[in-house]
Amino acid sequence: MDKKKILRWVLGIVLIAVVVLVVAVCLRGNKLAAAPKTVTNQDSLVVSVIPAVEADWLELPAAVSGENYEVETYYDLSIRNYTHLYDIETYTSLWTAYPLSASYMGSEPRPSKWLYSTSIDEDDQVNLRYHSYNDSYARGHMIPNASRNGNKAMQMQTFFVTNSVPQIQNSFNSGIWSKLEGDLQDIGRNEEIYIVTGVAFNKVGEDKPVAYTTAKDDAKQVPIPNYFYKVVLRIKKTDGRVTSASTIGFWMEHRKYSDSYANYAVSVDQIEQWTGFDFFVNLPDSVEATAEGNSSWTTFQSF
């Protein structure tokens, strides 16, 4: 065989081997290419390691599968506002994820009415535009008004009816829950933090009864969450990379309270076990593993 042909043949084989090796290394290091893990929670969700949105936003939980689930992200022009996982069968945002910093907060007056989401079919929403739920439940914000009142367009998106769940008003929404949200906003005024607010009807493996209510202007049956929770992330960077992080979770039964939210601090790991969701999946694996074990509010505050 001609030496030139042999040389070309050898170089071709080497080139193919290099390409195969590079692809294999990239797939191994890319979180999006990892094999999905399957976790079944109270709603039989199949949870993947892939972020809910194909973006590197640190607030994002992992994706879930199911024909009744819609993941939507809302924007003001190109600036992201929040992302939520909406269940069209229960008319409920199971989680709502968002960044929080001083740039989002201000003094825009509170809107007087609610709106239908522009991203979800109106038939899959509850008419809460002018009145609240029956049975004295408030329209509880998943992402609060005060976390977006520095931008009118973003603030109005927190008044989409899909951002509402039935919530006890006195001694919960206006008390312990509001105090937690306010203290997180205080942290967010000094640095960007990342929050997921969620509801659960049951913990994994649990079988508590679920009560229902209706809106004053709608006959749809809306389940009342048995639990509310928040998971929160703070980070530190070196040369643009996240090198350390701290997280904290808060898990509360849906009832009236007279004490401090600090009494209900738990680790993000624990809330992942109770919900079946995988939070903060865009963190580097080693950072995530260390950060999500913290259950001390004091440690989180001093990070």
Protein backbone atom coordinates (compact mmCIF):
# COMPACT_ATOMS: atom_id res chain seq x y z
CA MET A 1 0.00 0.00 0.00
CA ASP A 2 1.23 3.52 -0.82
CA LYS A 3 2.86 5.19 2.19
CA LYS A 4 0.73 8.33 1.72
CA LYS A 5 -2.47 6.26 1.76
CA ILE A 6 -1.31 4.45 4.91
CA LEU A 7 -0.53 7.78 6.57
CA ARG A 8 -3.93 9.20 5.65
CA TRP A 9 -5.63 6.03 6.94
CA VAL A 10 -3.77 6.22 10.29
CA LEU A 11 -4.48 9.95 10.67
CA GLY A 12 -8.17 9.30 9.96
CA ILE A 13 -8.38 6.67 12.68
CA VAL A 14 -6.58 8.96 15.17
CA LEU A 15 -8.93 11.84 14.35
CA ILE A 16 -12.02 9.68 14.87
CA ALA A 17 -10.63 8.42 18.21
CA VAL A 18 -9.98 11.98 19.40
CA VAL A 19 -13.50 13.11 18.48
CA VAL A 20 -15.05 10.14 20.31
CA LEU A 21 -12.92 10.86 23.39
CA VAL A 22 -13.84 14.55 23.46
CA VAL A 23 -17.55 13.80 23.15
CA ALA A 24 -17.37 11.23 25.95
CA VAL A 25 -15.59 13.67 28.28
CA CYS A 26 -18.10 16.44 27.54
CA LEU A 27 -21.05 14.18 28.25
CA ARG A 28 -19.52 12.97 31.48
CA GLY A 29 -18.98 16.54 32.70
CA ASN A 30 -22.27 17.98 31.52
CA LYS A 31 -25.07 17.79 34.05
CA LEU A 32 -27.67 18.01 31.32
CA ALA A 33 -26.36 14.83 29.77
CA ALA A 34 -26.53 12.80 32.95
CA ALA A 35 -28.90 9.86 33.08
CA PRO A 36 -32.16 10.94 34.72
CA LYS A 37 -32.83 9.74 38.22
CA THR A 38 -36.38 8.73 39.04
CA VAL A 39 -38.02 9.95 42.24
CA THR A 40 -41.71 9.44 42.91
CA ASN A 41 -43.39 11.94 45.22
CA GLN A 42 -46.95 12.36 46.44
CA ASP A 43 -48.15 13.24 42.93
CA SER A 44 -46.15 10.46 41.22
CA LEU A 45 -43.80 12.99 39.65
CA VAL A 46 -40.86 11.66 37.70
CA VAL A 47 -37.98 13.99 38.56
CA SER A 48 -34.91 14.38 36.35
CA VAL A 49 -31.49 15.88 37.03
CA ILE A 50 -32.08 18.18 34.04
CA PRO A 51 -33.05 21.74 35.09
CA ALA A 52 -36.69 22.68 34.58
CA VAL A 53 -35.57 25.24 32.01
CA GLU A 54 -32.50 24.83 29.82
CA ALA A 55 -30.65 27.70 31.45
CA ASP A 56 -27.98 28.07 34.11
CA TRP A 57 -30.20 30.02 36.52
CA LEU A 58 -29.31 28.92 40.04
CA GLU A 59 -32.87 29.01 41.38
CA LEU A 60 -34.10 26.24 39.09
CA PRO A 61 -35.24 22.87 40.42
CA ALA A 62 -35.01 19.78 38.25
CA ALA A 63 -37.53 19.04 35.54
CA VAL A 64 -40.51 16.76 36.03
CA SER A 65 -42.59 14.85 33.52
CA GLY A 66 -46.36 14.65 33.20
CA GLU A 67 -48.98 15.79 30.71
CA ASN A 68 -50.70 17.96 33.32
CA TYR A 69 -47.56 19.94 34.22
CA GLU A 70 -46.55 23.19 32.56
CA VAL A 71 -43.30 25.01 33.25
CA GLU A 72 -43.50 28.71 32.43
CA THR A 73 -41.02 31.55 32.82
CA TYR A 74 -42.18 35.17 32.88
CA TYR A 75 -40.07 38.12 31.74
CA ASP A 76 -39.99 41.87 31.49
CA LEU A 77 -38.42 42.19 28.06
CA SER A 78 -35.28 40.05 28.41
CA ILE A 79 -35.08 40.10 32.22
CA ARG A 80 -36.40 36.94 33.83
CA ASN A 81 -38.96 37.33 36.56
CA TYR A 82 -39.87 33.87 37.85
CA THR A 83 -40.41 30.29 36.75
CA HIS A 84 -43.16 28.02 38.02
CA LEU A 85 -44.32 24.42 37.72
CA TYR A 86 -48.08 24.62 37.22
CA ASP A 87 -50.41 21.64 37.56
CA ILE A 88 -53.43 22.24 35.33
CA GLU A 89 -55.41 19.48 37.07
CA THR A 90 -55.20 21.10 40.51
CA TYR A 91 -54.85 24.72 39.33
CA THR A 92 -51.77 24.94 41.53
CA SER A 93 -48.20 26.13 41.13
CA LEU A 94 -46.37 23.31 42.90
CA TRP A 95 -43.22 25.41 43.03
CA THR A 96 -42.21 28.92 42.00
CA ALA A 97 -38.50 29.76 41.61
CA TYR A 98 -36.97 33.22 41.38
CA PRO A 99 -33.85 35.30 42.00
CA LEU A 100 -34.13 38.14 44.51
CA SER A 101 -31.99 41.25 44.72
CA ALA A 102 -32.38 44.98 45.35
CA SER A 103 -33.01 45.60 41.65
CA TYR A 104 -36.38 43.82 41.90
CA MET A 105 -37.68 45.66 44.97
CA GLY A 106 -38.98 49.19 45.30
CA SER A 107 -42.15 51.13 46.09
CA GLU A 108 -44.61 50.53 43.27
CA PRO A 109 -48.17 50.69 44.70
CA ARG A 110 -49.87 47.35 45.18
CA PRO A 111 -52.21 46.45 42.27
CA SER A 112 -55.91 46.30 43.09
CA LYS A 113 -56.82 43.33 40.91
CA TRP A 114 -55.48 40.03 39.65
CA LEU A 115 -55.11 38.84 36.04
CA TYR A 116 -55.13 35.61 34.07
CA SER A 117 -51.67 34.34 33.16
CA THR A 118 -50.78 35.12 29.58
CA SER A 119 -48.99 31.77 29.18
CA ILE A 120 -51.61 29.25 30.32
CA ASP A 121 -55.01 28.49 28.84
CA GLU A 122 -57.71 30.39 30.75
CA ASP A 123 -59.74 27.19 31.11
CA ASP A 124 -56.88 25.82 33.23
CA GLN A 125 -56.95 28.79 35.61
CA VAL A 126 -59.23 29.78 38.48
CA ASN A 127 -61.09 33.07 38.20
CA LEU A 128 -59.60 35.02 41.09
CA ARG A 129 -59.41 38.31 39.22
CA TYR A 130 -61.85 40.26 41.38
CA HIS A 131 -62.48 38.15 44.47
CA SER A 132 -60.67 35.58 46.57
CA TYR A 133 -61.52 32.00 47.55
CA ASN A 134 -64.47 30.96 49.65
CA ASP A 135 -64.02 29.70 53.22
CA SER A 136 -62.00 32.82 54.16
CA TYR A 137 -58.84 31.70 52.34
CA ALA A 138 -56.59 34.45 51.02
CA ARG A 139 -55.04 34.60 47.57
CA GLY A 140 -51.61 33.57 48.83
CA HIS A 141 -48.74 34.71 46.61
CA MET A 142 -46.13 32.12 45.73
CA ILE A 143 -43.72 34.93 44.79
CA PRO A 144 -44.67 37.93 46.89
CA ASN A 145 -45.62 41.35 45.61
CA ALA A 146 -42.91 42.98 47.74
CA SER A 147 -40.23 40.88 46.03
CA ARG A 148 -41.10 42.49 42.67
CA ASN A 149 -42.49 45.95 43.49
CA GLY A 150 -39.50 47.71 41.96
CA ASN A 151 -40.67 46.87 38.45
CA LYS A 152 -44.32 47.42 37.49
CA ALA A 153 -44.44 44.79 34.74
CA MET A 154 -42.87 42.13 36.96
CA GLN A 155 -45.10 43.12 39.86
CA MET A 156 -48.20 42.64 37.73
CA GLN A 157 -47.00 39.14 36.85
CA THR A 158 -47.06 38.26 40.56
CA PHE A 159 -50.78 39.03 40.38
CA PHE A 160 -51.46 36.34 37.80
CA VAL A 161 -54.04 33.97 39.30
CA THR A 162 -51.60 31.11 38.68
CA ASN A 163 -49.38 32.68 41.34
CA SER A 164 -52.10 32.21 43.96
CA VAL A 165 -52.94 29.32 46.28
CA PRO A 166 -55.57 29.15 49.06
CA GLN A 167 -53.83 30.27 52.22
CA ILE A 168 -54.97 30.95 55.78
CA GLN A 169 -54.76 34.72 56.15
CA ASN A 170 -54.59 35.56 59.85
CA SER A 171 -51.67 34.04 61.78
CA PHE A 172 -50.17 32.53 58.64
CA ASN A 173 -50.12 34.59 55.43
CA SER A 174 -50.15 37.89 57.32
CA GLY A 175 -48.01 36.55 60.16
CA ILE A 176 -45.25 33.94 60.20
CA TRP A 177 -45.14 33.58 56.41
CA SER A 178 -45.01 37.34 55.79
CA LYS A 179 -42.24 37.73 58.38
CA LEU A 180 -40.16 35.03 56.65
CA GLU A 181 -40.63 36.69 53.27
CA GLY A 182 -39.68 40.09 54.71
CA ASP A 183 -36.48 38.82 56.29
CA LEU A 184 -35.45 37.12 53.04
CA GLN A 185 -36.10 40.39 51.22
CA ASP A 186 -33.76 42.11 53.70
CA ILE A 187 -30.99 39.67 52.74
CA GLY A 188 -31.79 40.18 49.06
CA ARG A 189 -31.28 43.92 49.36
CA ASN A 190 -27.58 43.30 49.96
CA GLU A 191 -26.90 40.40 47.58
CA GLU A 192 -28.65 38.26 45.00
CA ILE A 193 -30.22 35.17 46.53
CA TYR A 194 -32.29 32.37 45.00
CA ILE A 195 -35.64 31.17 46.33
CA VAL A 196 -38.12 28.41 45.60
CA THR A 197 -41.55 28.61 47.23
CA GLY A 198 -43.67 25.50 47.09
CA VAL A 199 -46.74 23.71 48.37
CA ALA A 200 -47.40 20.05 49.07
CA PHE A 201 -50.57 18.10 49.65
CA ASN A 202 -48.69 15.15 51.15
CA LYS A 203 -45.15 14.20 51.97
CA VAL A 204 -43.69 11.31 50.01
CA GLY A 205 -45.37 8.14 51.27
CA GLU A 206 -47.97 10.06 53.24
CA ASP A 207 -51.73 9.86 52.72
CA LYS A 208 -53.29 12.83 54.50
CA PRO A 209 -56.77 13.92 53.41
CA VAL A 210 -56.87 16.99 51.19
CA ALA A 211 -59.65 19.56 51.59
CA TYR A 212 -60.98 21.64 48.71
CA THR A 213 -62.42 25.09 48.25
CA THR A 214 -63.72 27.21 45.40
CA ALA A 215 -63.24 30.78 44.29
CA LYS A 216 -66.10 33.21 44.84
CA ASP A 217 -66.38 33.65 41.05
CA ASP A 218 -65.59 30.10 39.92
CA ALA A 219 -66.94 26.61 40.54
CA LYS A 220 -63.60 24.81 40.01
CA GLN A 221 -62.55 22.65 42.96
CA VAL A 222 -59.20 23.87 44.26
CA PRO A 223 -57.18 21.71 46.69
CA ILE A 224 -55.92 23.40 49.84
CA PRO A 225 -52.22 22.71 50.49
CA ASN A 226 -51.41 20.78 53.64
CA TYR A 227 -47.87 22.22 53.64
CA PHE A 228 -45.99 25.32 52.52
CA TYR A 229 -42.22 25.50 52.15
CA LYS A 230 -39.35 27.69 50.99
CA VAL A 231 -35.81 26.73 50.06
CA VAL A 232 -33.20 29.48 49.80
CA LEU A 233 -29.70 29.65 48.32
CA ARG A 234 -26.78 32.03 48.92
CA ILE A 235 -23.54 31.73 46.97
CA LYS A 236 -19.95 32.95 46.83
CA LYS A 237 -17.96 33.13 43.63
CA THR A 238 -14.28 33.09 42.71
CA ASP A 239 -13.30 34.19 39.19
CA GLY A 240 -16.93 34.01 38.14
CA ARG A 241 -17.44 30.44 39.39
CA VAL A 242 -19.59 29.35 42.32
CA THR A 243 -17.10 28.01 44.86
CA SER A 244 -19.26 27.79 47.98
CA ALA A 245 -22.90 28.05 48.94
CA SER A 246 -25.31 27.83 51.82
CA THR A 247 -28.94 26.78 51.75
CA ILE A 248 -31.80 26.66 54.21
CA GLY A 249 -35.33 25.32 54.05
CA PHE A 250 -38.53 26.11 55.93
CA TRP A 251 -41.36 23.60 56.12
CA MET A 252 -44.70 24.49 57.70
CA GLU A 253 -47.99 22.74 58.12
CA HIS A 254 -50.80 24.91 56.78
CA ARG A 255 -52.24 26.16 60.07
CA LYS A 256 -52.19 29.19 62.35
CA TYR A 257 -48.92 30.09 64.13
CA SER A 258 -47.90 32.35 66.98
CA ASP A 259 -44.14 31.62 67.07
CA SER A 260 -41.12 32.23 64.84
CA TYR A 261 -40.45 30.76 61.40
CA ALA A 262 -36.94 29.93 62.67
CA ASN A 263 -38.51 27.03 64.59
CA TYR A 264 -39.38 25.40 61.27
CA ALA A 265 -35.97 25.55 59.61
CA VAL A 266 -34.89 22.27 58.03
CA SER A 267 -32.33 21.27 55.44
CA VAL A 268 -33.00 21.39 51.71
CA ASP A 269 -32.07 17.70 51.68
CA GLN A 270 -34.98 17.04 54.02
CA ILE A 271 -37.47 18.97 51.87
CA GLU A 272 -36.25 17.09 48.81
CA GLN A 273 -37.07 13.83 50.60
CA TRP A 274 -40.52 15.08 51.58
CA THR A 275 -41.43 16.47 48.14
CA GLY A 276 -39.49 14.31 45.68
CA PHE A 277 -38.18 17.45 43.95
CA ASP A 278 -34.48 18.12 43.33
CA PHE A 279 -33.58 21.75 44.05
CA PHE A 280 -30.67 23.94 42.91
CA VAL A 281 -29.51 21.45 40.31
CA ASN A 282 -27.37 24.05 38.50
CA LEU A 283 -24.95 24.26 41.42
CA PRO A 284 -21.67 22.38 40.97
CA ASP A 285 -22.27 18.89 42.37
CA SER A 286 -19.70 19.13 45.16
CA VAL A 287 -21.02 22.53 46.28
CA GLU A 288 -24.63 21.36 46.18
CA ALA A 289 -23.92 18.23 48.22
CA THR A 290 -22.31 20.23 51.03
CA ALA A 291 -24.70 23.18 51.02
CA GLU A 292 -27.98 21.31 51.09
CA GLY A 293 -27.29 19.56 54.39
CA ASN A 294 -27.50 22.74 56.48
CA SER A 295 -30.55 23.09 58.74
CA SER A 296 -29.40 26.05 60.86
CA TRP A 297 -30.96 29.44 60.15
CA THR A 298 -28.14 31.07 62.15
CA THR A 299 -25.48 29.38 59.98
CA PHE A 300 -27.30 30.50 56.84
CA GLN A 301 -27.53 34.10 58.11
CA SER A 302 -23.80 34.25 58.85
CA PHE A 303 -22.67 32.76 55.53
